[in-house]
Protein backbone atom coordinates (compact mmCIF):
# COMPACT_ATOMS: atom_id res chain seq x y z
CA MET A 1 11.88 -187.77 75.27
CA LYS A 2 13.24 -188.25 71.58
CA GLU A 3 12.76 -184.52 71.09
CA ARG A 4 14.94 -183.74 74.18
CA ILE A 5 17.49 -186.00 73.25
CA LYS A 6 17.93 -184.16 69.86
CA GLU A 7 18.12 -180.80 71.55
CA ILE A 8 21.17 -182.13 73.76
CA ILE A 9 22.29 -183.49 70.61
CA ILE A 10 22.29 -179.67 68.69
CA GLU A 11 23.57 -177.93 72.19
CA LEU A 12 26.43 -180.31 72.19
CA LEU A 13 27.46 -179.60 68.15
CA THR A 14 26.69 -175.80 68.66
CA GLN A 15 29.10 -175.92 71.88
CA ARG A 16 31.63 -178.13 69.95
CA ASN A 17 31.20 -177.01 66.65
CA ASP A 18 32.84 -180.47 64.71
CA LYS A 19 33.13 -184.25 65.30
CA VAL A 20 31.06 -185.23 68.49
CA SER A 21 31.27 -188.96 68.54
CA PHE A 22 28.44 -191.30 69.87
CA ALA A 23 30.27 -192.15 73.01
CA GLU A 24 30.32 -188.20 73.96
CA ILE A 25 26.80 -188.03 73.43
CA GLU A 26 26.26 -190.94 75.52
CA ARG A 27 28.06 -189.54 78.21
CA THR A 28 26.13 -185.86 77.93
CA LEU A 29 22.70 -187.95 78.04
CA GLU A 30 24.24 -189.41 80.97
CA GLN A 31 24.98 -186.47 82.94
CA LYS A 32 21.67 -184.76 82.26
CA GLY A 33 19.82 -188.18 83.70
CA ILE A 34 18.45 -189.41 80.15
CA GLN A 35 17.97 -192.95 79.68
CA TYR A 36 20.53 -193.79 76.29
CA LEU A 37 20.48 -197.58 76.60
CA GLY A 38 18.96 -200.16 74.70
CA ASP A 39 18.68 -202.68 72.16
CA TYR A 40 18.32 -200.77 69.00
CA SER A 41 21.30 -199.76 66.75
CA ILE A 42 21.86 -197.66 63.53
CA HIS A 43 22.97 -199.61 60.70
CA MET A 44 24.26 -199.12 57.08
CA PRO A 45 21.18 -198.77 54.78
CA SER A 46 23.05 -201.27 51.91
CA ASN A 47 24.16 -203.77 54.85
CA LYS A 48 22.62 -204.41 58.54
CA ASN A 49 25.83 -206.15 59.31
CA VAL A 50 27.77 -202.17 59.38
CA LYS A 51 26.84 -201.45 62.56
CA LEU A 52 26.78 -196.98 63.18
CA TRP A 53 26.22 -197.30 66.53
CA VAL A 54 24.94 -200.35 69.04
CA GLY A 55 23.14 -200.72 72.46
CA MET A 56 21.08 -197.50 72.02
CA SER A 57 17.37 -196.71 73.44
CA GLU A 58 14.65 -196.42 70.72
CA ASP A 59 14.32 -192.65 71.36
CA PHE A 60 17.96 -192.19 70.98
CA CYS A 61 18.04 -194.03 67.56
CA LYS A 62 15.13 -192.19 66.54
CA ALA A 63 16.64 -188.89 67.88
CA VAL A 64 19.85 -189.61 65.66
CA VAL A 65 18.51 -190.90 62.60
CA GLU A 66 15.53 -188.06 62.48
CA LEU A 67 18.47 -185.60 62.68
CA MET A 68 20.42 -186.96 60.12
CA PHE A 69 17.30 -187.54 57.56
CA LYS A 70 14.44 -185.59 58.47
CA ASP A 71 15.65 -182.40 59.98
CA CYS A 72 18.69 -182.60 58.22
CA THR A 73 21.01 -180.47 60.57
CA ILE A 74 23.64 -182.98 61.49
CA ILE A 75 25.58 -184.93 59.25
CA PRO A 76 27.73 -188.02 59.82
CA ARG A 77 31.71 -187.92 58.95
CA ASN A 78 33.68 -191.09 59.26
CA VAL A 79 36.23 -190.88 61.95
CA PRO A 80 39.53 -193.23 62.98
CA SER A 81 38.27 -195.72 65.80
CA THR A 82 40.89 -193.93 68.04
CA LEU A 83 38.91 -190.98 68.52
CA TYR A 84 36.27 -193.42 70.25
CA ILE A 85 39.29 -195.13 72.13
CA PHE A 86 39.60 -191.23 73.36
CA ASP A 87 36.25 -190.80 74.18
CA GLY A 88 36.51 -194.32 76.31
CA LYS A 89 33.92 -196.56 74.39
CA ILE A 90 34.34 -198.63 71.77
CA PRO A 91 31.76 -201.40 70.24
CA ASP A 92 32.14 -204.95 70.60
CA HIS A 93 32.72 -205.32 66.70
CA PRO A 94 35.59 -205.35 64.03
CA VAL A 95 35.71 -202.03 62.18
CA ALA A 96 34.45 -201.94 58.82
CA GLU A 97 36.98 -201.17 56.18
CA ASN A 98 35.51 -200.84 53.00
CA LEU A 99 31.49 -199.98 53.28
CA HIS A 100 31.18 -201.47 49.60
CA HIS A 101 32.03 -204.83 51.00
CA MET A 102 29.02 -207.31 51.97
CA TYR A 103 30.48 -208.29 55.18
CA GLU A 104 28.06 -211.42 56.80
CA THR A 105 29.09 -210.60 60.36
CA GLU A 106 28.77 -207.40 62.22
CA ARG A 107 31.33 -204.81 61.84
CA TRP A 108 31.29 -200.93 63.16
CA PHE A 109 31.41 -198.25 60.99
CA PRO A 110 33.41 -195.22 63.27
CA ILE A 111 31.54 -191.75 62.62
CA ALA A 112 31.15 -188.33 64.34
CA PHE A 113 28.82 -185.45 64.00
CA SER A 114 28.77 -182.26 62.84
CA LEU A 115 26.04 -179.88 62.33
CA GLY A 116 24.70 -179.31 58.35
CA ASN A 117 22.71 -180.56 55.71
CA LEU A 118 23.67 -184.27 54.26
CA TYR A 119 21.74 -183.05 51.26
CA GLU A 120 23.49 -179.85 50.69
CA LYS A 121 25.66 -179.54 48.07
CA GLY A 122 29.35 -179.86 49.35
CA ASN A 123 28.53 -182.02 52.04
């Protein structure tokens, strides 16, 4: 299932070519009948209280992390939380305003994805 989720994310990014949110990915997975909900989340490595997305299945979570850090095919970019308002889904956490602050309560850092390698110069 994880590999199918990765394929769908890449297809979606290829079609859109820029700024695909977690909410849009979830909507696409739902349309294709793929289970994406669960108890997993992706957080900032430097602060577990800063969530990038929550309520994910294990396969969905692993697919996104692998696409970013193993396959190096997608790049997360900070976006205004209003993008998620337009996409119709926002986590139930306040927005993290400063990634260098060590939050003691859960916060959300809104990102969207584009195609590319996180480790290439200029990204």
